[in-house]
C-alpha atoms as a PDB file:
ATOM      1  CA  MET A   1       0.033   0.164  -0.105  1.00  0.00           C
ATOM      2  CA  LYS A   2       1.308   3.597  -0.832  1.00  0.00           C
ATOM      3  CA  HIS A   3       0.766   5.387   2.637  1.00  0.00           C
ATOM      4  CA  PHE A   4       2.310   1.952   4.421  1.00  0.00           C
ATOM      5  CA  THR A   5       5.564   2.428   2.104  1.00  0.00           C
ATOM      6  CA  ARG A   6       5.487   6.357   3.278  1.00  0.00           C
ATOM      7  CA  ILE A   7       5.303   5.169   6.276  1.00  0.00           C
ATOM      8  CA  LEU A   8       8.126   2.817   6.485  1.00  0.00           C
ATOM      9  CA  ALA A   9      10.453   5.359   5.048  1.00  0.00           C
ATOM     10  CA  THR A  10       9.477   8.279   7.177  1.00  0.00           C
ATOM     11  CA  ALA A  11       9.797   5.863  10.129  1.00  0.00           C
ATOM     12  CA  THR A  12      13.374   4.468   9.087  1.00  0.00           C
ATOM     13  CA  LEU A  13      14.696   8.301   8.445  1.00  0.00           C
ATOM     14  CA  VAL A  14      13.546   9.411  11.633  1.00  0.00           C
ATOM     15  CA  ALA A  15      14.887   6.323  13.705  1.00  0.00           C
ATOM     16  CA  ALA A  16      18.091   6.095  11.590  1.00  0.00           C
ATOM     17  CA  SER A  17      20.428   7.341  14.426  1.00  0.00           C
ATOM     18  CA  ALA A  18      18.647   5.329  16.853  1.00  0.00           C
ATOM     19  CA  PHE A  19      20.434   2.242  18.374  1.00  0.00           C
ATOM     20  CA  ALA A  20      19.969  -1.334  17.360  1.00  0.00           C
ATOM     21  CA  VAL A  21      17.387  -3.430  18.993  1.00  0.00           C
ATOM     22  CA  HIS A  22      17.320  -7.248  18.752  1.00  0.00           C
ATOM     23  CA  ALA A  23      14.623  -9.178  20.418  1.00  0.00           C
ATOM     24  CA  ASP A  24      13.421 -12.481  19.750  1.00  0.00           C
ATOM     25  CA  GLU A  25      10.035 -12.030  22.002  1.00  0.00           C
ATOM     26  CA  PHE A  26       8.619  -8.285  21.527  1.00  0.00           C
ATOM     27  CA  ARG A  27       6.075  -7.003  24.406  1.00  0.00           C
ATOM     28  CA  LEU A  28       2.661  -5.545  23.306  1.00  0.00           C
ATOM     29  CA  GLY A  29       0.853  -3.518  26.055  1.00  0.00           C
ATOM     30  CA  LEU A  30      -2.958  -3.025  26.113  1.00  0.00           C
ATOM     31  CA  ILE A  31      -5.590  -1.327  28.444  1.00  0.00           C
ATOM     32  CA  THR A  32      -8.546  -3.797  27.215  1.00  0.00           C
ATOM     33  CA  PRO A  33      -9.015  -7.142  29.179  1.00  0.00           C
ATOM     34  CA  PRO A  34      -8.072 -10.492  27.810  1.00  0.00           C
ATOM     35  CA  PRO A  35     -11.901 -11.248  26.251  1.00  0.00           C
ATOM     36  CA  HIS A  36     -11.883  -7.984  24.358  1.00  0.00           C
ATOM     37  CA  ILE A  37     -11.845  -7.904  20.555  1.00  0.00           C
ATOM     38  CA  TRP A  38      -8.199  -5.773  20.869  1.00  0.00           C
ATOM     39  CA  THR A  39      -6.635  -8.149  22.827  1.00  0.00           C
ATOM     40  CA  LYS A  40      -7.852 -11.173  20.932  1.00  0.00           C
ATOM     41  CA  ALA A  41      -6.353  -9.618  17.621  1.00  0.00           C
ATOM     42  CA  ALA A  42      -3.356  -8.661  19.749  1.00  0.00           C
ATOM     43  CA  GLU A  43      -2.848 -12.582  20.075  1.00  0.00           C
ATOM     44  CA  ALA A  44      -3.595 -13.438  16.503  1.00  0.00           C
ATOM     45  CA  PHE A  45      -0.877 -10.942  15.438  1.00  0.00           C
ATOM     46  CA  GLY A  46       1.663 -12.772  17.636  1.00  0.00           C
ATOM     47  CA  ALA A  47       0.458 -16.424  16.693  1.00  0.00           C
ATOM     48  CA  GLU A  48       0.982 -15.062  13.201  1.00  0.00           C
ATOM     49  CA  LEU A  49       4.278 -13.361  13.364  1.00  0.00           C
ATOM     50  CA  SER A  50       5.653 -16.506  15.043  1.00  0.00           C
ATOM     51  CA  GLU A  51       4.593 -18.732  12.217  1.00  0.00           C
ATOM     52  CA  LYS A  52       5.734 -16.198   9.245  1.00  0.00           C
ATOM     53  CA  SER A  53       9.065 -15.567  11.138  1.00  0.00           C
ATOM     54  CA  GLY A  54       9.751 -19.346  11.549  1.00  0.00           C
ATOM     55  CA  GLY A  55       9.687 -18.774  15.344  1.00  0.00           C
ATOM     56  CA  ALA A  56      12.272 -15.983  14.912  1.00  0.00           C
ATOM     57  CA  HIS A  57       9.905 -13.634  16.596  1.00  0.00           C
ATOM     58  CA  SER A  58       6.898 -13.834  19.103  1.00  0.00           C
ATOM     59  CA  VAL A  59       5.103 -11.490  20.879  1.00  0.00           C
ATOM     60  CA  GLY A  60       4.227 -11.306  24.611  1.00  0.00           C
ATOM     61  CA  VAL A  61       0.732  -9.788  25.010  1.00  0.00           C
ATOM     62  CA  PHE A  62       0.244  -8.038  28.180  1.00  0.00           C
ATOM     63  CA  PRO A  63      -3.418  -6.731  28.664  1.00  0.00           C
ATOM     64  CA  SER A  64      -5.491  -4.833  31.333  1.00  0.00           C
ATOM     65  CA  ARG A  65      -2.555  -2.121  32.013  1.00  0.00           C
ATOM     66  CA  GLN A  66      -0.421  -4.823  33.199  1.00  0.00           C
ATOM     67  CA  LEU A  67       2.236  -2.135  31.747  1.00  0.00           C
ATOM     68  CA  GLY A  68       1.008   0.899  32.758  1.00  0.00           C
ATOM     69  CA  ASN A  69      -1.693   3.179  31.499  1.00  0.00           C
ATOM     70  CA  GLU A  70      -1.723   4.273  27.749  1.00  0.00           C
ATOM     71  CA  ALA A  71      -0.009   7.444  28.835  1.00  0.00           C
ATOM     72  CA  GLU A  72       2.941   5.438  30.593  1.00  0.00           C
ATOM     73  CA  MET A  73       2.892   2.538  27.833  1.00  0.00           C
ATOM     74  CA  LEU A  74       3.627   5.790  25.267  1.00  0.00           C
ATOM     75  CA  GLN A  75       6.349   6.875  27.199  1.00  0.00           C
ATOM     76  CA  GLN A  76       7.568   3.505  27.099  1.00  0.00           C
ATOM     77  CA  LEU A  77       7.171   2.991  23.361  1.00  0.00           C
ATOM     78  CA  GLN A  78       9.279   6.452  23.070  1.00  0.00           C
ATOM     79  CA  THR A  79      12.066   5.113  24.839  1.00  0.00           C
ATOM     80  CA  GLY A  80      11.928   1.664  23.464  1.00  0.00           C
ATOM     81  CA  ALA A  81      11.290   0.214  26.780  1.00  0.00           C
ATOM     82  CA  LEU A  82       8.181  -1.352  25.227  1.00  0.00           C
ATOM     83  CA  ASP A  83       8.135  -2.799  21.777  1.00  0.00           C
ATOM     84  CA  MET A  84       4.454  -2.436  20.615  1.00  0.00           C
ATOM     85  CA  ALA A  85       1.303  -1.479  21.370  1.00  0.00           C
ATOM     86  CA  PHE A  86      -2.560  -1.472  20.271  1.00  0.00           C
ATOM     87  CA  MET A  87      -3.480   1.581  21.746  1.00  0.00           C
ATOM     88  CA  THR A  88      -6.677   4.107  21.561  1.00  0.00           C
ATOM     89  CA  VAL A  89      -5.752   7.199  18.990  1.00  0.00           C
ATOM     90  CA  ALA A  90      -7.147   9.128  21.842  1.00  0.00           C
ATOM     91  CA  GLU A  91      -4.089   8.831  23.622  1.00  0.00           C
ATOM     92  CA  VAL A  92      -1.652   9.086  20.685  1.00  0.00           C
ATOM     93  CA  SER A  93      -3.885  12.379  19.670  1.00  0.00           C
ATOM     94  CA  ASN A  94      -2.875  14.081  23.023  1.00  0.00           C
ATOM     95  CA  ARG A  95       0.567  14.294  21.455  1.00  0.00           C
ATOM     96  CA  ALA A  96      -0.673  14.621  17.533  1.00  0.00           C
ATOM     97  CA  THR A  97      -3.587  16.792  17.654  1.00  0.00           C
ATOM     98  CA  ASP A  98      -4.500  16.282  13.827  1.00  0.00           C
ATOM     99  CA  LEU A  99      -5.996  12.590  15.164  1.00  0.00           C
ATOM    100  CA  GLY A 100      -8.204  14.580  17.578  1.00  0.00           C
ATOM    101  CA  SER A 101     -10.491  15.251  14.614  1.00  0.00           C
ATOM    102  CA  PHE A 102     -12.021  11.573  14.261  1.00  0.00           C
ATOM    103  CA  TYR A 103     -13.925  12.311  17.362  1.00  0.00           C
ATOM    104  CA  ALA A 104     -15.828  14.811  15.651  1.00  0.00           C
ATOM    105  CA  PRO A 105     -19.192  14.307  16.801  1.00  0.00           C
ATOM    106  CA  TYR A 106     -21.491  12.577  14.355  1.00  0.00           C
ATOM    107  CA  LEU A 107     -18.623  12.418  11.767  1.00  0.00           C
ATOM    108  CA  ALA A 108     -19.836   8.648  10.909  1.00  0.00           C
ATOM    109  CA  ASN A 109     -23.437   7.803  10.052  1.00  0.00           C
ATOM    110  CA  ASP A 110     -22.751   4.457  11.315  1.00  0.00           C
ATOM    111  CA  ILE A 111     -20.108   1.819  12.557  1.00  0.00           C
ATOM    112  CA  ALA A 112     -19.708   0.459   8.772  1.00  0.00           C
ATOM    113  CA  HIS A 113     -19.445   4.228   7.790  1.00  0.00           C
ATOM    114  CA  ALA A 114     -16.522   4.516  10.591  1.00  0.00           C
ATOM    115  CA  GLY A 115     -14.852   1.751   9.395  1.00  0.00           C
ATOM    116  CA  ARG A 116     -14.895   2.995   5.710  1.00  0.00           C
ATOM    117  CA  ILE A 117     -13.105   6.570   7.040  1.00  0.00           C
ATOM    118  CA  LEU A 118     -10.706   4.591   9.025  1.00  0.00           C
ATOM    119  CA  ARG A 119      -9.835   2.999   5.987  1.00  0.00           C
ATOM    120  CA  SER A 120      -9.541   5.959   3.737  1.00  0.00           C
ATOM    121  CA  ASP A 121      -6.186   7.335   2.424  1.00  0.00           C
ATOM    122  CA  THR A 122      -6.618  10.170   4.251  1.00  0.00           C
ATOM    123  CA  ALA A 123      -6.840   8.409   7.641  1.00  0.00           C
ATOM    124  CA  ALA A 124      -3.887   6.381   6.600  1.00  0.00           C
ATOM    125  CA  ALA A 125      -2.071   9.718   5.613  1.00  0.00           C
ATOM    126  CA  LEU A 126      -2.410  11.133   9.358  1.00  0.00           C
ATOM    127  CA  LEU A 127      -0.266   7.970  10.868  1.00  0.00           C
ATOM    128  CA  GLU A 128       2.889   9.177   8.795  1.00  0.00           C
ATOM    129  CA  PRO A 129       4.180  12.521  11.212  1.00  0.00           C
ATOM    130  CA  LEU A 130       4.133   9.882  14.363  1.00  0.00           C
ATOM    131  CA  PRO A 131       7.652   8.892  13.941  1.00  0.00           C
ATOM    132  CA  ALA A 132       8.781  12.622  14.191  1.00  0.00           C
ATOM    133  CA  GLN A 133       6.212  13.693  16.151  1.00  0.00           C
ATOM    134  CA  VAL A 134       5.772  11.072  18.661  1.00  0.00           C
ATOM    135  CA  GLY A 135       8.708   8.551  18.625  1.00  0.00           C
ATOM    136  CA  VAL A 136       6.389   5.664  17.627  1.00  0.00           C
ATOM    137  CA  VAL A 137       5.397   3.997  14.157  1.00  0.00           C
ATOM    138  CA  GLY A 138       1.555   3.645  13.320  1.00  0.00           C
ATOM    139  CA  LEU A 139       0.824   0.765  11.048  1.00  0.00           C
ATOM    140  CA  GLY A 140      -2.657   0.716  10.844  1.00  0.00           C
ATOM    141  CA  TYR A 141      -5.872   1.466  12.340  1.00  0.00           C
ATOM    142  CA  GLY A 142      -8.512  -0.756  14.296  1.00  0.00           C
ATOM    143  CA  MET A 143     -11.834   0.549  16.126  1.00  0.00           C
ATOM    144  CA  ALA A 144     -14.107  -0.217  18.930  1.00  0.00           C
ATOM    145  CA  GLY A 145     -17.793   0.535  18.777  1.00  0.00           C
ATOM    146  CA  LEU A 146     -19.378   4.036  18.693  1.00  0.00           C
ATOM    147  CA  ARG A 147     -19.718   5.710  21.907  1.00  0.00           C
ATOM    148  CA  GLN A 148     -23.356   5.370  23.868  1.00  0.00           C
ATOM    149  CA  ILE A 149     -24.195   7.117  27.332  1.00  0.00           C
ATOM    150  CA  VAL A 150     -24.772   5.015  30.556  1.00  0.00           C
ATOM    151  CA  SER A 151     -26.481   6.917  33.193  1.00  0.00           C
ATOM    152  CA  ARG A 152     -27.705   6.426  36.751  1.00  0.00           C
ATOM    153  CA  GLY A 153     -31.398   8.220  36.768  1.00  0.00           C
ATOM    154  CA  ASP A 154     -33.415   9.134  34.371  1.00  0.00           C
ATOM    155  CA  VAL A 155     -31.879  10.951  31.412  1.00  0.00           C
ATOM    156  CA  SER A 156     -34.945  12.515  28.719  1.00  0.00           C
ATOM    157  CA  SER A 157     -32.608  15.391  27.402  1.00  0.00           C
ATOM    158  CA  SER A 158     -29.032  16.307  27.696  1.00  0.00           C
ATOM    159  CA  ALA A 159     -30.129  18.917  30.145  1.00  0.00           C
ATOM    160  CA  ASP A 160     -30.282  16.067  32.742  1.00  0.00           C
ATOM    161  CA  LEU A 161     -26.532  15.393  32.043  1.00  0.00           C
ATOM    162  CA  ALA A 162     -25.755  19.183  33.222  1.00  0.00           C
ATOM    163  CA  GLY A 163     -23.430  19.111  36.103  1.00  0.00           C
ATOM    164  CA  LYS A 164     -23.060  15.254  36.603  1.00  0.00           C
ATOM    165  CA  LYS A 165     -20.188  13.116  36.840  1.00  0.00           C
ATOM    166  CA  LEU A 166     -19.191  11.618  33.322  1.00  0.00           C
ATOM    167  CA  ARG A 167     -16.741   9.269  33.246  1.00  0.00           C
ATOM    168  CA  ILE A 168     -14.562   9.596  29.983  1.00  0.00           C
ATOM    169  CA  THR A 169     -11.369   8.295  28.468  1.00  0.00           C
ATOM    170  CA  PRO A 170      -8.643  11.382  29.223  1.00  0.00           C
ATOM    171  CA  PHE A 171      -8.205  12.884  26.266  1.00  0.00           C
ATOM    172  CA  THR A 172      -9.157  16.518  24.973  1.00  0.00           C
ATOM    173  CA  PRO A 173     -11.508  15.961  22.219  1.00  0.00           C
ATOM    174  CA  ILE A 174     -14.058  14.084  24.504  1.00  0.00           C
ATOM    175  CA  LEU A 175     -13.399  16.631  27.313  1.00  0.00           C
ATOM    176  CA  ASP A 176     -13.943  19.567  24.976  1.00  0.00           C
ATOM    177  CA  PHE A 177     -17.332  17.686  23.740  1.00  0.00           C
ATOM    178  CA  TYR A 178     -18.509  16.890  27.446  1.00  0.00           C
ATOM    179  CA  ASN A 179     -17.333  20.633  28.968  1.00  0.00           C
ATOM    180  CA  ALA A 180     -19.690  21.794  25.922  1.00  0.00           C
ATOM    181  CA  LEU A 181     -22.801  19.774  26.966  1.00  0.00           C
ATOM    182  CA  GLY A 182     -22.180  21.320  30.615  1.00  0.00           C
ATOM    183  CA  ALA A 183     -21.592  17.984  32.067  1.00  0.00           C
ATOM    184  CA  ALA A 184     -18.570  17.193  34.489  1.00  0.00           C
ATOM    185  CA  PRO A 185     -16.460  15.098  32.519  1.00  0.00           C
ATOM    186  CA  THR A 186     -14.551  12.767  34.853  1.00  0.00           C
ATOM    187  CA  PRO A 187     -11.309  10.746  33.271  1.00  0.00           C
ATOM    188  CA  MET A 188     -11.155   7.290  34.957  1.00  0.00           C
ATOM    189  CA  PRO A 189      -9.491   3.903  33.897  1.00  0.00           C
ATOM    190  CA  LEU A 190     -11.522   0.929  32.558  1.00  0.00           C
ATOM    191  CA  PRO A 191     -11.091  -1.241  35.781  1.00  0.00           C
ATOM    192  CA  ALA A 192     -12.257   1.671  37.921  1.00  0.00           C
ATOM    193  CA  VAL A 193     -15.646   2.407  36.147  1.00  0.00           C
ATOM    194  CA  TYR A 194     -17.929  -0.551  37.676  1.00  0.00           C
ATOM    195  CA  ASP A 195     -17.432  -0.076  41.092  1.00  0.00           C
ATOM    196  CA  ALA A 196     -17.653   3.865  40.016  1.00  0.00           C
ATOM    197  CA  LEU A 197     -20.763   3.319  38.622  1.00  0.00           C
ATOM    198  CA  ALA A 198     -22.036   1.158  41.537  1.00  0.00           C
ATOM    199  CA  ASN A 199     -21.288   3.690  44.253  1.00  0.00           C
ATOM    200  CA  GLY A 200     -22.299   6.767  42.688  1.00  0.00           C
ATOM    201  CA  GLN A 201     -18.887   8.198  42.423  1.00  0.00           C
ATOM    202  CA  VAL A 202     -19.777   8.772  39.161  1.00  0.00           C
ATOM    203  CA  ASP A 203     -23.143   9.494  37.576  1.00  0.00           C
ATOM    204  CA  ALA A 204     -23.115   8.777  34.122  1.00  0.00           C
ATOM    205  CA  ILE A 205     -20.306   6.988  31.777  1.00  0.00           C
ATOM    206  CA  ASP A 206     -19.663   7.416  28.101  1.00  0.00           C
ATOM    207  CA  MET A 207     -19.112   3.951  26.727  1.00  0.00           C
ATOM    208  CA  ASP A 208     -18.734   1.510  23.933  1.00  0.00           C
ATOM    209  CA  ALA A 209     -21.442  -1.383  23.580  1.00  0.00           C
ATOM    210  CA  GLU A 210     -18.879  -4.250  24.003  1.00  0.00           C
ATOM    211  CA  LEU A 211     -17.969  -3.223  27.227  1.00  0.00           C
ATOM    212  CA  ILE A 212     -21.426  -1.900  28.331  1.00  0.00           C
ATOM    213  CA  TRP A 213     -22.746  -5.819  27.755  1.00  0.00           C
ATOM    214  CA  VAL A 214     -19.356  -7.727  28.538  1.00  0.00           C
ATOM    215  CA  LEU A 215     -18.603  -5.885  31.403  1.00  0.00           C
ATOM    216  CA  LYS A 216     -22.031  -5.238  32.918  1.00  0.00           C
ATOM    217  CA  TYR A 217     -21.982  -1.424  33.071  1.00  0.00           C
ATOM    218  CA  TYR A 218     -26.010  -1.664  32.683  1.00  0.00           C
ATOM    219  CA  GLU A 219     -26.046  -3.368  36.014  1.00  0.00           C
ATOM    220  CA  HIS A 220     -25.866   0.058  38.135  1.00  0.00           C
ATOM    221  CA  ALA A 221     -27.851   1.859  35.375  1.00  0.00           C
ATOM    222  CA  ASP A 222     -31.233   3.494  35.161  1.00  0.00           C
ATOM    223  CA  THR A 223     -31.334   4.858  31.382  1.00  0.00           C
ATOM    224  CA  ILE A 224     -28.874   3.891  28.700  1.00  0.00           C
ATOM    225  CA  ILE A 225     -28.885   5.988  25.703  1.00  0.00           C
ATOM    226  CA  GLN A 226     -27.731   4.920  22.329  1.00  0.00           C
ATOM    227  CA  SER A 227     -26.566   8.131  20.704  1.00  0.00           C
ATOM    228  CA  ASP A 228     -23.797   6.600  18.577  1.00  0.00           C
ATOM    229  CA  HIS A 229     -22.278  10.300  19.125  1.00  0.00           C
ATOM    230  CA  MET A 230     -18.832   9.612  18.124  1.00  0.00           C
ATOM    231  CA  MET A 231     -15.976   6.710  16.656  1.00  0.00           C
ATOM    232  CA  PHE A 232     -13.413   5.276  18.624  1.00  0.00           C
ATOM    233  CA  PRO A 233     -10.260   4.462  16.633  1.00  0.00           C
ATOM    234  CA  MET A 234      -7.443   2.261  17.837  1.00  0.00           C
ATOM    235  CA  VAL A 235      -3.986   1.956  16.199  1.00  0.00           C
ATOM    236  CA  GLY A 236      -1.480  -0.371  16.058  1.00  0.00           C
ATOM    237  CA  LEU A 237       2.114   0.952  17.106  1.00  0.00           C
ATOM    238  CA  VAL A 238       5.686  -0.159  16.954  1.00  0.00           C
ATOM    239  CA  SER A 239       8.478   2.115  18.989  1.00  0.00           C
ATOM    240  CA  ALA A 240      10.438   3.866  16.582  1.00  0.00           C
ATOM    241  CA  LYS A 241      13.769   2.983  18.246  1.00  0.00           C
ATOM    242  CA  VAL A 242      12.490  -0.816  18.201  1.00  0.00           C
ATOM    243  CA  TRP A 243      11.827  -0.329  14.341  1.00  0.00           C
ATOM    244  CA  ALA A 244      15.370   1.160  13.764  1.00  0.00           C
ATOM    245  CA  GLY A 245      16.805  -2.244  15.036  1.00  0.00           C
ATOM    246  CA  LEU A 246      14.785  -4.331  12.563  1.00  0.00           C
ATOM    247  CA  SER A 247      15.655  -5.549   8.986  1.00  0.00           C
ATOM    248  CA  ASP A 248      14.163  -4.395   6.297  1.00  0.00           C
ATOM    249  CA  ASP A 249      11.936  -7.881   5.715  1.00  0.00           C
ATOM    250  CA  ASP A 250      10.888  -7.892   9.361  1.00  0.00           C
ATOM    251  CA  ARG A 251       9.799  -4.331   9.055  1.00  0.00           C
ATOM    252  CA  ALA A 252       7.685  -5.398   6.193  1.00  0.00           C
ATOM    253  CA  MET A 253       6.572  -8.470   7.509  1.00  0.00           C
ATOM    254  CA  ILE A 254       5.749  -6.943  11.149  1.00  0.00           C
ATOM    255  CA  GLY A 255       4.046  -3.861   9.217  1.00  0.00           C
ATOM    256  CA  GLU A 256       1.633  -6.137   6.972  1.00  0.00           C
ATOM    257  CA  LEU A 257       0.714  -8.634   9.840  1.00  0.00           C
ATOM    258  CA  MET A 258       0.147  -5.841  12.413  1.00  0.00           C
ATOM    259  CA  ALA A 259      -1.981  -3.848   9.913  1.00  0.00           C
ATOM    260  CA  LYS A 260      -3.745  -6.928   9.008  1.00  0.00           C
ATOM    261  CA  HIS A 261      -4.996  -7.894  12.716  1.00  0.00           C
ATOM    262  CA  VAL A 262      -5.574  -4.245  13.716  1.00  0.00           C
ATOM    263  CA  ASP A 263      -7.988  -3.898  10.950  1.00  0.00           C
ATOM    264  CA  SER A 264      -9.594  -6.858  11.752  1.00  0.00           C
ATOM    265  CA  THR A 265     -11.253  -5.497  14.771  1.00  0.00           C
ATOM    266  CA  ILE A 266     -13.354  -3.274  12.518  1.00  0.00           C
ATOM    267  CA  ASP A 267     -15.218  -6.042  10.803  1.00  0.00           C
ATOM    268  CA  SER A 268     -15.257  -7.670  14.151  1.00  0.00           C
ATOM    269  CA  TYR A 269     -17.668  -4.249  15.423  1.00  0.00           C
ATOM    270  CA  ILE A 270     -19.491  -3.810  12.126  1.00  0.00           C
ATOM    271  CA  GLU A 271     -20.522  -7.538  12.969  1.00  0.00           C
ATOM    272  CA  LYS A 272     -21.524  -7.455  16.298  1.00  0.00           C
ATOM    273  CA  GLU A 273     -22.362  -4.367  17.223  1.00  0.00           C
ATOM    274  CA  ALA A 274     -26.092  -4.375  16.482  1.00  0.00           C
ATOM    275  CA  GLY A 275     -26.449  -7.469  18.643  1.00  0.00           C
ATOM    276  CA  TRP A 276     -24.766  -6.161  21.682  1.00  0.00           C
ATOM    277  CA  LEU A 277     -27.096  -2.934  21.471  1.00  0.00           C
ATOM    278  CA  GLU A 278     -29.827  -5.558  20.984  1.00  0.00           C
ATOM    279  CA  GLN A 279     -29.171  -7.466  24.261  1.00  0.00           C
ATOM    280  CA  ILE A 280     -28.320  -4.138  26.031  1.00  0.00           C
ATOM    281  CA  GLU A 281     -32.135  -3.056  25.181  1.00  0.00           C
ATOM    282  CA  GLY A 282     -33.339  -6.195  26.617  1.00  0.00           C
ATOM    283  CA  THR A 283     -32.253  -5.840  30.090  1.00  0.00           C
ATOM    284  CA  GLY A 284     -35.300  -3.645  31.164  1.00  0.00           C
ATOM    285  CA  LYS A 285     -33.242  -0.518  31.534  1.00  0.00           C
ATOM    286  CA  THR A 286     -34.691   2.716  30.007  1.00  0.00           C
ATOM    287  CA  TYR A 287     -33.124   2.463  26.529  1.00  0.00           C
ATOM    288  CA  THR A 288     -33.437   5.553  24.597  1.00  0.00           C
ATOM    289  CA  LYS A 289     -32.348   6.219  20.725  1.00  0.00           C
ATOM    290  CA  VAL A 290     -31.252   9.799  20.071  1.00  0.00           C
ATOM    291  CA  ASP A 291     -29.703  11.857  17.561  1.00  0.00           C
ATOM    292  CA  ALA A 292     -27.455  15.048  17.019  1.00  0.00           C
ATOM    293  CA  SER A 293     -30.406  17.130  17.792  1.00  0.00           C
ATOM    294  CA  PHE A 294     -30.292  15.833  21.756  1.00  0.00           C
ATOM    295  CA  PHE A 295     -26.955  17.286  22.126  1.00  0.00           C
ATOM    296  CA  GLY A 296     -28.100  20.951  21.449  1.00  0.00           C
ATOM    297  CA  ASP A 297     -25.293  23.478  20.573  1.00  0.00           C
ATOM    298  CA  ALA A 298     -22.527  21.858  22.319  1.00  0.00           C
ATOM    299  CA  ILE A 299     -21.690  20.072  18.803  1.00  0.00           C
ATOM    300  CA  ASP A 300     -21.395  23.367  17.159  1.00  0.00           C
ATOM    301  CA  GLN A 301     -19.356  24.316  19.874  1.00  0.00           C
ATOM    302  CA  TRP A 302     -17.072  21.647  19.753  1.00  0.00           C
ATOM    303  CA  ASN A 303     -16.886  22.178  15.920  1.00  0.00           C
ATOM    304  CA  THR A 304     -15.620  25.518  16.296  1.00  0.00           C
ATOM    305  CA  ILE A 305     -12.976  24.560  18.928  1.00  0.00           C
ATOM    306  CA  TRP A 306     -11.633  21.945  16.497  1.00  0.00           C
ATOM    307  CA  SER A 307     -11.687  23.926  13.225  1.00  0.00           C
ATOM    308  CA  GLU A 308      -9.100  25.782  14.741  1.00  0.00           C
ATOM    309  CA  LYS A 309      -7.198  22.916  16.562  1.00  0.00           C
ATOM    310  CA  ALA A 310      -6.905  20.175  13.340  1.00  0.00           C
ATOM    311  CA  ALA A 311      -6.449  20.947   9.734  1.00  0.00           C
ATOM    312  CA  SER A 312      -7.167  17.422   9.247  1.00  0.00           C
ATOM    313  CA  LEU A 313     -10.702  18.017  10.635  1.00  0.00           C
ATOM    314  CA  GLU A 314     -12.049  19.512   7.245  1.00  0.00           C
ATOM    315  CA  LYS A 315     -10.267  16.430   5.093  1.00  0.00           C
ATOM    316  CA  LEU A 316     -11.990  14.083   7.023  1.00  0.00           C
ATOM    317  CA  ARG A 317     -15.161  15.609   6.809  1.00  0.00           C
ATOM    318  CA  ALA A 318     -14.631  15.426   3.070  1.00  0.00           C
ATOM    319  CA  VAL A 319     -13.883  11.411   3.205  1.00  0.00           C
ATOM    320  CA  ALA A 320     -16.887  11.135   5.722  1.00  0.00           C
ATOM    321  CA  ALA A 321     -18.978  12.581   2.500  1.00  0.00           C
ATOM    322  CA  GLU A 322     -17.420  10.796   0.059  1.00  0.00           C
ATOM    323  CA  THR A 323     -17.763   7.399   1.860  1.00  0.00           C
ATOM    324  CA  GLU A 324     -21.502   7.821   3.091  1.00  0.00           C
END
């Protein structure tokens, strides 16, 4: 692929002066639990890499924040202390602002449309500056499902979320969105969310359907709002310092296989998302489907903020229009 060739060239140039790294077993970190689609994709990547390399390379997968939270893992990638990660684009966008454009509210019409946007050449081009900007090589996108809202108490309008502590992933685009809505966005790691919702430490959470269902967040909620308001991409990363120590053949093999397995998560979510939402709707909780009008002028406020922050926003909007 053209964009992959450009990524290889850019990453090699940036890392050319780095020390050589030789590893028989790479370490790959994630924040997701073992049953999660991302974790399973990472394990499948490791298995295929071992097979295709004739056992020369293997991958140890460390889920559930075993190697730290995403900010800590990204720092480890930058220094070469960690080899690889499947990481939310959210965390990377804290250092590469253009990636924040993916979180434009209602950029994608549905889960399949989100997949088409992520598979575009425009999206791929946003990975090219990462070696120079962040010290990592981005090899391809995956994703989780679209974002929904789970709340204690009744929510019939966005006004009911005003002032409420609402759990978010800690990154600027979603912080800006919920601040515009008048909620009190509260960053919190995944392992803490279930108990926090149960004991009222937070009033609501922003979450995808898979985790709402699999981790049973609905158990301590009164209202589920299917809003589909934001996509949630993932990116497969390799430390630029580690990348510099690989042969051209190994770079090509690892790049191809990682891109393949992160991309496979897109198909998994397209296939499974509707089923999870149907199961959540069947739990007996108040289940409401809303559209962009639910959020009032918060979306316009977000667009105003991010049209100044990210030059990539209009490019992704053009892709979204072309791929509807």
